[in-house]
Amino acid sequence: MKKGIHPTYYQAKVTCVCGNTFTVGSTKKEIKVDVCSACHPVFTGKQKIVDSAGRVEKFLRKYAKFEQKKAEAQKAEKAANSEESQKN
């Protein structure tokens, strides 16, 4: 291997927000993570729903506005068609 072109390899200390710490090999000395195997739902078997209801409600509100505009357009079209049929 060529000398001087490879980064320094450390035994890095990984710290999770849940408080779990462990060591891995890395080019950084310290790593901070949001989720680790001690708190991730896949590894723990416990599911935490994080604001998914809020996301769904936000989508439904946005979609409701679209549906409302669509209904108004259909009413206007029906009104125009009924006026046209009354003239004939």
N, C-alpha and C. Protein backbone atom coordinates (compact mmCIF):
# COMPACT_ATOMS: atom_id res chain seq x y z
N MET A 1 0.84 -1.19 0.00
CA MET A 1 0.00 0.00 0.00
C MET A 1 0.88 1.24 0.00
N LYS A 2 0.41 2.27 -0.66
CA LYS A 2 1.15 3.52 -0.67
C LYS A 2 1.01 4.19 0.68
N LYS A 3 2.06 4.82 1.10
CA LYS A 3 2.04 5.51 2.39
C LYS A 3 1.54 6.94 2.21
N GLY A 4 0.78 7.42 3.19
CA GLY A 4 0.34 8.81 3.20
C GLY A 4 -0.94 9.09 2.44
N ILE A 5 -1.54 8.09 1.78
CA ILE A 5 -2.77 8.38 1.03
C ILE A 5 -4.01 7.83 1.73
N HIS A 6 -3.83 6.99 2.74
CA HIS A 6 -4.96 6.39 3.43
C HIS A 6 -5.27 7.16 4.71
N PRO A 7 -6.58 7.33 5.02
CA PRO A 7 -6.94 8.04 6.25
C PRO A 7 -6.59 7.21 7.49
N THR A 8 -6.44 7.89 8.60
CA THR A 8 -6.16 7.21 9.86
C THR A 8 -7.40 6.45 10.31
N TYR A 9 -7.20 5.24 10.76
CA TYR A 9 -8.30 4.37 11.17
C TYR A 9 -8.33 4.30 12.69
N TYR A 10 -9.50 4.60 13.28
CA TYR A 10 -9.64 4.66 14.74
C TYR A 10 -10.65 3.62 15.22
N GLN A 11 -10.60 3.32 16.50
CA GLN A 11 -11.67 2.60 17.17
C GLN A 11 -12.63 3.69 17.66
N ALA A 12 -13.68 3.94 16.87
CA ALA A 12 -14.59 5.06 17.14
C ALA A 12 -15.62 4.69 18.19
N LYS A 13 -15.94 5.66 19.04
CA LYS A 13 -16.97 5.50 20.05
C LYS A 13 -18.27 6.04 19.45
N VAL A 14 -19.27 5.18 19.30
CA VAL A 14 -20.57 5.57 18.76
C VAL A 14 -21.51 5.81 19.93
N THR A 15 -22.15 6.99 19.94
CA THR A 15 -23.09 7.35 21.00
C THR A 15 -24.45 7.62 20.38
N CYS A 16 -25.47 6.93 20.89
CA CYS A 16 -26.84 7.11 20.41
C CYS A 16 -27.57 8.06 21.35
N VAL A 17 -28.65 8.68 20.86
CA VAL A 17 -29.43 9.58 21.70
C VAL A 17 -30.16 8.83 22.82
N CYS A 18 -30.32 7.52 22.67
CA CYS A 18 -30.96 6.74 23.73
C CYS A 18 -29.99 6.44 24.87
N GLY A 19 -28.70 6.76 24.69
CA GLY A 19 -27.72 6.55 25.74
C GLY A 19 -26.81 5.35 25.51
N ASN A 20 -27.12 4.53 24.53
CA ASN A 20 -26.31 3.36 24.22
C ASN A 20 -24.99 3.79 23.58
N THR A 21 -23.88 3.15 23.98
CA THR A 21 -22.58 3.43 23.37
C THR A 21 -21.92 2.11 23.00
N PHE A 22 -21.18 2.13 21.90
CA PHE A 22 -20.41 0.97 21.46
C PHE A 22 -19.27 1.45 20.57
N THR A 23 -18.34 0.58 20.25
CA THR A 23 -17.19 0.97 19.43
C THR A 23 -17.22 0.23 18.10
N VAL A 24 -16.78 0.94 17.08
CA VAL A 24 -16.64 0.39 15.73
C VAL A 24 -15.38 0.96 15.12
N GLY A 25 -14.93 0.39 14.04
CA GLY A 25 -13.79 0.95 13.32
C GLY A 25 -14.26 2.03 12.37
N SER A 26 -13.57 3.18 12.37
CA SER A 26 -13.97 4.30 11.52
C SER A 26 -12.81 5.25 11.33
N THR A 27 -12.97 6.18 10.41
CA THR A 27 -11.97 7.22 10.21
C THR A 27 -12.22 8.41 11.11
N LYS A 28 -13.31 8.38 11.87
CA LYS A 28 -13.61 9.41 12.86
C LYS A 28 -13.41 8.83 14.25
N LYS A 29 -13.07 9.68 15.20
CA LYS A 29 -12.85 9.20 16.57
C LYS A 29 -14.16 9.03 17.34
N GLU A 30 -15.15 9.87 17.02
CA GLU A 30 -16.41 9.84 17.74
C GLU A 30 -17.56 10.04 16.77
N ILE A 31 -18.62 9.25 16.92
CA ILE A 31 -19.79 9.32 16.04
C ILE A 31 -21.03 9.42 16.92
N LYS A 32 -21.94 10.34 16.57
CA LYS A 32 -23.21 10.48 17.28
C LYS A 32 -24.33 10.10 16.31
N VAL A 33 -25.22 9.21 16.75
CA VAL A 33 -26.31 8.74 15.90
C VAL A 33 -27.65 8.97 16.58
N ASP A 34 -28.71 9.04 15.77
CA ASP A 34 -30.07 9.23 16.29
C ASP A 34 -30.73 7.91 16.67
N VAL A 35 -30.41 6.85 15.94
CA VAL A 35 -31.04 5.55 16.16
C VAL A 35 -29.96 4.47 16.11
N CYS A 36 -30.03 3.53 17.04
CA CYS A 36 -29.08 2.41 17.05
C CYS A 36 -29.85 1.10 17.20
N SER A 37 -29.14 0.00 17.26
CA SER A 37 -29.81 -1.31 17.37
C SER A 37 -30.51 -1.49 18.71
N ALA A 38 -30.16 -0.71 19.71
CA ALA A 38 -30.82 -0.82 21.01
C ALA A 38 -32.17 -0.13 21.05
N CYS A 39 -32.39 0.84 20.16
CA CYS A 39 -33.65 1.58 20.20
C CYS A 39 -34.44 1.54 18.88
N HIS A 40 -33.89 0.94 17.82
CA HIS A 40 -34.59 0.87 16.54
C HIS A 40 -35.70 -0.17 16.61
N PRO A 41 -36.91 0.15 16.11
CA PRO A 41 -38.05 -0.77 16.21
C PRO A 41 -37.81 -2.13 15.54
N VAL A 42 -37.01 -2.18 14.50
CA VAL A 42 -36.75 -3.45 13.83
C VAL A 42 -36.01 -4.41 14.76
N PHE A 43 -35.08 -3.88 15.53
CA PHE A 43 -34.28 -4.73 16.42
C PHE A 43 -34.96 -4.98 17.76
N THR A 44 -35.76 -4.04 18.23
CA THR A 44 -36.39 -4.19 19.55
C THR A 44 -37.74 -4.90 19.48
N GLY A 45 -38.38 -4.88 18.32
CA GLY A 45 -39.70 -5.48 18.19
C GLY A 45 -40.82 -4.57 18.65
N LYS A 46 -40.50 -3.38 19.08
CA LYS A 46 -41.49 -2.40 19.52
C LYS A 46 -41.60 -1.32 18.47
N GLN A 47 -42.81 -1.00 18.10
CA GLN A 47 -42.99 0.05 17.11
C GLN A 47 -43.38 1.34 17.80
N LYS A 48 -42.76 2.42 17.36
CA LYS A 48 -43.11 3.75 17.83
C LYS A 48 -43.64 4.51 16.62
N ILE A 49 -44.85 5.01 16.71
CA ILE A 49 -45.39 5.80 15.62
C ILE A 49 -45.00 7.24 15.88
N VAL A 50 -44.21 7.77 14.96
CA VAL A 50 -43.69 9.11 15.13
C VAL A 50 -44.43 10.05 14.18
N ASP A 51 -45.46 10.70 14.67
CA ASP A 51 -46.19 11.73 13.93
C ASP A 51 -46.74 11.24 12.60
N SER A 52 -46.98 9.97 12.44
CA SER A 52 -47.53 9.51 11.17
C SER A 52 -48.98 9.97 11.03
N ALA A 53 -49.69 10.08 12.14
CA ALA A 53 -51.07 10.56 12.07
C ALA A 53 -51.09 12.00 11.60
N GLY A 54 -50.16 12.81 12.05
CA GLY A 54 -50.09 14.19 11.62
C GLY A 54 -49.82 14.31 10.13
N ARG A 55 -49.00 13.43 9.62
CA ARG A 55 -48.69 13.45 8.19
C ARG A 55 -49.91 13.06 7.38
N VAL A 56 -50.64 12.05 7.84
CA VAL A 56 -51.83 11.61 7.14
C VAL A 56 -52.88 12.71 7.15
N GLU A 57 -53.09 13.34 8.30
CA GLU A 57 -54.07 14.42 8.40
C GLU A 57 -53.69 15.58 7.49
N LYS A 58 -52.42 15.90 7.41
CA LYS A 58 -51.96 16.97 6.53
C LYS A 58 -52.27 16.63 5.07
N PHE A 59 -52.01 15.38 4.69
CA PHE A 59 -52.31 14.94 3.33
C PHE A 59 -53.81 15.03 3.05
N LEU A 60 -54.63 14.57 4.00
CA LEU A 60 -56.07 14.59 3.79
C LEU A 60 -56.61 16.01 3.68
N ARG A 61 -56.06 16.94 4.47
CA ARG A 61 -56.48 18.34 4.36
C ARG A 61 -56.14 18.89 2.98
N LYS A 62 -54.95 18.58 2.52
CA LYS A 62 -54.52 19.06 1.20
C LYS A 62 -55.40 18.45 0.11
N TYR A 63 -55.68 17.16 0.22
CA TYR A 63 -56.50 16.47 -0.76
C TYR A 63 -57.94 16.97 -0.72
N ALA A 64 -58.45 17.32 0.46
CA ALA A 64 -59.81 17.83 0.60
C ALA A 64 -59.97 19.14 -0.16
N LYS A 65 -58.95 19.98 -0.14
CA LYS A 65 -59.00 21.23 -0.89
C LYS A 65 -59.11 20.94 -2.38
N PHE A 66 -58.38 19.94 -2.85
CA PHE A 66 -58.43 19.56 -4.26
C PHE A 66 -59.82 19.06 -4.62
N GLU A 67 -60.39 18.21 -3.77
CA GLU A 67 -61.73 17.68 -4.00
C GLU A 67 -62.77 18.80 -4.00
N GLN A 68 -62.60 19.79 -3.12
CA GLN A 68 -63.54 20.91 -3.05
C GLN A 68 -63.49 21.71 -4.35
N LYS A 69 -62.31 21.98 -4.85
CA LYS A 69 -62.18 22.71 -6.11
C LYS A 69 -62.79 21.92 -7.26
N LYS A 70 -62.60 20.61 -7.23
CA LYS A 70 -63.14 19.74 -8.28
C LYS A 70 -64.67 19.78 -8.24
N ALA A 71 -65.26 19.74 -7.04
CA ALA A 71 -66.71 19.78 -6.88
C ALA A 71 -67.27 21.12 -7.35
N GLU A 72 -66.57 22.21 -7.03
CA GLU A 72 -67.01 23.54 -7.48
C GLU A 72 -66.97 23.63 -9.00
N ALA A 73 -65.95 23.07 -9.61
CA ALA A 73 -65.84 23.10 -11.07
C ALA A 73 -66.97 22.29 -11.70
N GLN A 74 -67.33 21.16 -11.10
CA GLN A 74 -68.42 20.34 -11.62
C GLN A 74 -69.75 21.07 -11.47
N LYS A 75 -69.97 21.79 -10.36
CA LYS A 75 -71.19 22.56 -10.17
C LYS A 75 -71.30 23.65 -11.23
N ALA A 76 -70.19 24.33 -11.47
CA ALA A 76 -70.18 25.40 -12.46
C ALA A 76 -70.47 24.84 -13.84
N GLU A 77 -69.93 23.68 -14.14
CA GLU A 77 -70.16 23.05 -15.44
C GLU A 77 -71.62 22.63 -15.58
N LYS A 78 -72.20 22.07 -14.51
CA LYS A 78 -73.61 21.68 -14.54
C LYS A 78 -74.50 22.90 -14.72
N ALA A 79 -74.15 23.99 -14.03
CA ALA A 79 -74.94 25.22 -14.15
C ALA A 79 -74.87 25.75 -15.57
N ALA A 80 -73.70 25.71 -16.16
CA ALA A 80 -73.54 26.19 -17.54
C ALA A 80 -74.32 25.30 -18.50
N ASN A 81 -74.30 24.00 -18.28
CA ASN A 81 -75.03 23.07 -19.14
C ASN A 81 -76.54 23.26 -18.99
N SER A 82 -77.01 23.49 -17.76
CA SER A 82 -78.45 23.67 -17.55
C SER A 82 -78.93 24.98 -18.18
N GLU A 83 -78.13 26.03 -18.11
CA GLU A 83 -78.49 27.30 -18.75
C GLU A 83 -78.54 27.14 -20.26
N GLU A 84 -77.61 26.37 -20.79
CA GLU A 84 -77.55 26.13 -22.22
C GLU A 84 -78.76 25.33 -22.68
N SER A 85 -79.16 24.34 -21.88
CA SER A 85 -80.31 23.50 -22.25
C SER A 85 -81.62 24.29 -22.12
N GLN A 86 -81.69 25.25 -21.19
CA GLN A 86 -82.89 26.06 -21.04
C GLN A 86 -83.04 27.02 -22.21
N LYS A 87 -81.93 27.47 -22.78
CA LYS A 87 -81.99 28.38 -23.92
C LYS A 87 -82.49 27.66 -25.17
N ASN A 88 -82.19 26.40 -25.29
CA ASN A 88 -82.60 25.63 -26.48
C ASN A 88 -83.99 25.19 -26.31
